[in-house]
Amino acid sequence: MLDGVYAMTIGVLIGVNAGGHKGWVTVKCRLCAREMDITKNIVYHCPKCVSNHRSYFCEADARRLKYKCPYCGHELEVLGMPKQR
């Protein structure tokens, strides 16, 4: 009966495989290389280019780009927030 308790992996994962590892929630701004935590900072991204170019932008660079993607010209969106219509 105690074998089931020891077989669980809760608390066993450490390092990069841990659920709370900083690498899972950290992205870099494509222009200024500022590290941003997506849970704390406002991060802009281009939905078309995020898979190809990892196009994440900080608030200052998004404002400087007039909220347009420099790669495709599509409008930048806030990461994690649904698009309002």
N, C-alpha and C. Protein backbone atom coordinates (compact mmCIF):
# COMPACT_ATOMS: atom_id res chain seq x y z
N MET A 1 0.81 -1.18 0.00
CA MET A 1 0.00 0.00 0.00
C MET A 1 0.86 1.25 0.00
N LEU A 2 1.98 1.24 0.61
CA LEU A 2 2.87 2.39 0.64
C LEU A 2 3.67 2.52 -0.66
N ASP A 3 3.71 1.47 -1.45
CA ASP A 3 4.46 1.53 -2.70
C ASP A 3 3.89 2.57 -3.65
N GLY A 4 2.57 2.75 -3.65
CA GLY A 4 1.93 3.75 -4.50
C GLY A 4 2.36 5.16 -4.14
N VAL A 5 2.61 5.40 -2.86
CA VAL A 5 3.04 6.73 -2.42
C VAL A 5 4.45 7.02 -2.93
N TYR A 6 5.34 6.06 -2.87
CA TYR A 6 6.71 6.27 -3.31
C TYR A 6 6.84 6.33 -4.82
N ALA A 7 5.87 5.78 -5.54
CA ALA A 7 5.92 5.78 -7.00
C ALA A 7 5.53 7.14 -7.58
N MET A 8 4.90 7.98 -6.78
CA MET A 8 4.50 9.30 -7.28
C MET A 8 5.74 10.16 -7.52
N THR A 9 5.66 11.04 -8.50
CA THR A 9 6.83 11.85 -8.85
C THR A 9 6.74 13.27 -8.30
N ILE A 10 5.75 13.57 -7.49
CA ILE A 10 5.63 14.92 -6.94
C ILE A 10 6.83 15.19 -6.05
N GLY A 11 7.53 16.27 -6.34
CA GLY A 11 8.68 16.64 -5.55
C GLY A 11 9.97 15.99 -6.01
N VAL A 12 9.91 15.08 -6.96
CA VAL A 12 11.10 14.38 -7.43
C VAL A 12 11.79 15.15 -8.55
N LEU A 13 11.00 15.84 -9.38
CA LEU A 13 11.56 16.54 -10.52
C LEU A 13 12.35 17.76 -10.05
N ILE A 14 13.59 17.85 -10.52
CA ILE A 14 14.43 18.99 -10.16
C ILE A 14 15.12 19.50 -11.42
N GLY A 15 15.68 20.67 -11.36
CA GLY A 15 16.42 21.22 -12.49
C GLY A 15 15.51 21.75 -13.57
N VAL A 16 15.87 21.55 -14.84
CA VAL A 16 15.12 22.11 -15.95
C VAL A 16 13.77 21.43 -16.16
N ASN A 17 13.56 20.25 -15.59
CA ASN A 17 12.30 19.56 -15.74
C ASN A 17 11.26 19.96 -14.70
N ALA A 18 11.65 20.75 -13.73
CA ALA A 18 10.73 21.16 -12.68
C ALA A 18 9.65 22.06 -13.25
N GLY A 19 8.46 21.96 -12.72
CA GLY A 19 7.34 22.75 -13.22
C GLY A 19 7.50 24.24 -13.00
N GLY A 20 8.21 24.65 -11.99
CA GLY A 20 8.37 26.06 -11.69
C GLY A 20 9.67 26.65 -12.18
N HIS A 21 10.34 26.01 -13.10
CA HIS A 21 11.63 26.50 -13.59
C HIS A 21 11.46 27.81 -14.34
N LYS A 22 12.36 28.76 -14.12
CA LYS A 22 12.27 30.10 -14.72
C LYS A 22 12.32 30.07 -16.24
N GLY A 23 12.96 29.10 -16.83
CA GLY A 23 13.07 29.01 -18.28
C GLY A 23 11.75 28.79 -19.00
N TRP A 24 10.76 28.29 -18.30
CA TRP A 24 9.45 28.05 -18.91
C TRP A 24 8.66 29.34 -19.09
N VAL A 25 8.96 30.37 -18.31
CA VAL A 25 8.18 31.60 -18.36
C VAL A 25 9.01 32.82 -18.75
N THR A 26 10.23 32.63 -19.18
CA THR A 26 11.11 33.74 -19.53
C THR A 26 11.30 33.79 -21.04
N VAL A 27 11.13 34.98 -21.62
CA VAL A 27 11.39 35.21 -23.04
C VAL A 27 12.26 36.46 -23.16
N LYS A 28 12.91 36.60 -24.32
CA LYS A 28 13.75 37.77 -24.56
C LYS A 28 13.14 38.65 -25.63
N CYS A 29 13.28 39.95 -25.43
CA CYS A 29 12.82 40.90 -26.44
C CYS A 29 13.70 40.73 -27.68
N ARG A 30 13.08 40.72 -28.83
CA ARG A 30 13.79 40.47 -30.08
C ARG A 30 14.72 41.64 -30.45
N LEU A 31 14.42 42.85 -30.00
CA LEU A 31 15.23 44.00 -30.39
C LEU A 31 16.29 44.37 -29.36
N CYS A 32 15.91 44.43 -28.08
CA CYS A 32 16.87 44.89 -27.07
C CYS A 32 17.41 43.77 -26.18
N ALA A 33 16.94 42.55 -26.35
CA ALA A 33 17.39 41.37 -25.61
C ALA A 33 17.10 41.45 -24.12
N ARG A 34 16.10 42.23 -23.74
CA ARG A 34 15.70 42.32 -22.35
C ARG A 34 14.96 41.05 -21.97
N GLU A 35 15.32 40.44 -20.83
CA GLU A 35 14.63 39.25 -20.37
C GLU A 35 13.34 39.65 -19.69
N MET A 36 12.24 39.00 -20.08
CA MET A 36 10.93 39.32 -19.54
C MET A 36 10.28 38.06 -19.00
N ASP A 37 9.65 38.17 -17.87
CA ASP A 37 8.88 37.10 -17.27
C ASP A 37 7.43 37.29 -17.74
N ILE A 38 6.88 36.31 -18.44
CA ILE A 38 5.55 36.48 -19.02
C ILE A 38 4.45 36.52 -17.97
N THR A 39 4.76 36.13 -16.74
CA THR A 39 3.77 36.19 -15.68
C THR A 39 3.77 37.54 -14.98
N LYS A 40 4.84 38.34 -15.14
CA LYS A 40 4.95 39.61 -14.43
C LYS A 40 4.98 40.80 -15.37
N ASN A 41 5.60 40.68 -16.53
CA ASN A 41 5.75 41.78 -17.47
C ASN A 41 4.69 41.71 -18.57
N ILE A 42 4.43 42.86 -19.19
CA ILE A 42 3.57 42.89 -20.36
C ILE A 42 4.45 42.59 -21.56
N VAL A 43 4.14 41.52 -22.26
CA VAL A 43 4.95 41.06 -23.39
C VAL A 43 4.08 41.08 -24.65
N TYR A 44 4.59 41.70 -25.70
CA TYR A 44 3.89 41.74 -26.98
C TYR A 44 4.50 40.69 -27.90
N HIS A 45 3.67 40.12 -28.78
CA HIS A 45 4.17 39.14 -29.75
C HIS A 45 3.37 39.25 -31.04
N CYS A 46 3.96 38.79 -32.13
CA CYS A 46 3.26 38.71 -33.40
C CYS A 46 2.76 37.28 -33.56
N PRO A 47 1.45 37.06 -33.67
CA PRO A 47 0.93 35.70 -33.76
C PRO A 47 1.39 34.95 -35.01
N LYS A 48 1.74 35.68 -36.07
CA LYS A 48 2.21 35.02 -37.30
C LYS A 48 3.68 34.62 -37.22
N CYS A 49 4.51 35.47 -36.62
CA CYS A 49 5.96 35.25 -36.65
C CYS A 49 6.54 34.64 -35.38
N VAL A 50 5.71 34.39 -34.38
CA VAL A 50 6.24 33.89 -33.12
C VAL A 50 6.86 32.50 -33.28
N SER A 51 6.34 31.68 -34.16
CA SER A 51 6.91 30.34 -34.34
C SER A 51 8.20 30.36 -35.16
N ASN A 52 8.31 31.27 -36.12
CA ASN A 52 9.51 31.34 -36.96
C ASN A 52 10.64 32.17 -36.35
N HIS A 53 10.30 33.35 -35.84
CA HIS A 53 11.32 34.30 -35.40
C HIS A 53 11.37 34.49 -33.89
N ARG A 54 10.49 33.82 -33.13
CA ARG A 54 10.36 34.06 -31.69
C ARG A 54 10.22 35.55 -31.43
N SER A 55 9.26 36.15 -32.09
CA SER A 55 9.10 37.61 -32.07
C SER A 55 8.34 38.07 -30.84
N TYR A 56 9.07 38.22 -29.74
CA TYR A 56 8.54 38.79 -28.51
C TYR A 56 9.15 40.18 -28.36
N PHE A 57 8.34 41.14 -27.87
CA PHE A 57 8.81 42.51 -27.74
C PHE A 57 8.41 43.07 -26.39
N CYS A 58 9.29 43.88 -25.79
CA CYS A 58 8.96 44.56 -24.54
C CYS A 58 8.04 45.75 -24.84
N GLU A 59 7.54 46.39 -23.79
CA GLU A 59 6.60 47.50 -23.98
C GLU A 59 7.24 48.65 -24.73
N ALA A 60 8.47 48.99 -24.40
CA ALA A 60 9.14 50.13 -25.04
C ALA A 60 9.37 49.90 -26.52
N ASP A 61 9.82 48.71 -26.88
CA ASP A 61 10.08 48.43 -28.30
C ASP A 61 8.78 48.28 -29.09
N ALA A 62 7.75 47.74 -28.47
CA ALA A 62 6.45 47.65 -29.15
C ALA A 62 5.91 49.05 -29.45
N ARG A 63 6.08 49.96 -28.51
CA ARG A 63 5.63 51.34 -28.73
C ARG A 63 6.47 52.00 -29.82
N ARG A 64 7.77 51.73 -29.83
CA ARG A 64 8.65 52.30 -30.86
C ARG A 64 8.32 51.76 -32.25
N LEU A 65 7.86 50.51 -32.32
CA LEU A 65 7.47 49.90 -33.60
C LEU A 65 6.04 50.26 -33.99
N LYS A 66 5.36 51.07 -33.17
CA LYS A 66 3.96 51.46 -33.38
C LYS A 66 3.05 50.23 -33.41
N TYR A 67 3.40 49.24 -32.58
CA TYR A 67 2.63 48.02 -32.40
C TYR A 67 2.43 47.24 -33.71
N LYS A 68 3.43 47.29 -34.60
CA LYS A 68 3.43 46.52 -35.84
C LYS A 68 4.67 45.63 -35.85
N CYS A 69 4.52 44.43 -36.35
CA CYS A 69 5.65 43.50 -36.43
C CYS A 69 6.65 43.97 -37.48
N PRO A 70 7.95 44.01 -37.16
CA PRO A 70 8.93 44.43 -38.15
C PRO A 70 9.16 43.41 -39.27
N TYR A 71 8.73 42.16 -39.06
CA TYR A 71 8.95 41.11 -40.05
C TYR A 71 7.82 41.04 -41.09
N CYS A 72 6.57 41.12 -40.60
CA CYS A 72 5.45 40.94 -41.54
C CYS A 72 4.48 42.12 -41.57
N GLY A 73 4.57 43.04 -40.62
CA GLY A 73 3.68 44.18 -40.60
C GLY A 73 2.35 43.93 -39.90
N HIS A 74 2.16 42.73 -39.36
CA HIS A 74 0.93 42.38 -38.64
C HIS A 74 0.92 43.09 -37.29
N GLU A 75 -0.26 43.36 -36.76
CA GLU A 75 -0.37 44.06 -35.48
C GLU A 75 0.06 43.17 -34.32
N LEU A 76 0.83 43.74 -33.39
CA LEU A 76 1.29 43.00 -32.22
C LEU A 76 0.15 42.83 -31.23
N GLU A 77 0.19 41.71 -30.50
CA GLU A 77 -0.81 41.42 -29.48
C GLU A 77 -0.11 41.18 -28.16
N VAL A 78 -0.85 41.42 -27.08
CA VAL A 78 -0.32 41.14 -25.75
C VAL A 78 -0.35 39.64 -25.51
N LEU A 79 0.75 39.09 -25.05
CA LEU A 79 0.85 37.66 -24.82
C LEU A 79 -0.03 37.25 -23.64
N GLY A 80 -0.87 36.27 -23.84
CA GLY A 80 -1.69 35.72 -22.78
C GLY A 80 -3.04 36.38 -22.63
N MET A 81 -3.30 37.45 -23.35
CA MET A 81 -4.61 38.09 -23.24
C MET A 81 -5.41 37.80 -24.50
N PRO A 82 -6.68 37.47 -24.36
CA PRO A 82 -7.48 37.21 -25.56
C PRO A 82 -7.73 38.47 -26.36
N LYS A 83 -7.84 38.32 -27.64
CA LYS A 83 -8.08 39.46 -28.52
C LYS A 83 -9.53 39.90 -28.37
N GLN A 84 -9.71 41.19 -28.10
CA GLN A 84 -11.05 41.74 -27.92
C GLN A 84 -11.62 42.19 -29.25
N ARG A 85 -12.91 41.92 -29.45
CA ARG A 85 -13.53 42.28 -30.71
C ARG A 85 -14.67 43.21 -30.48
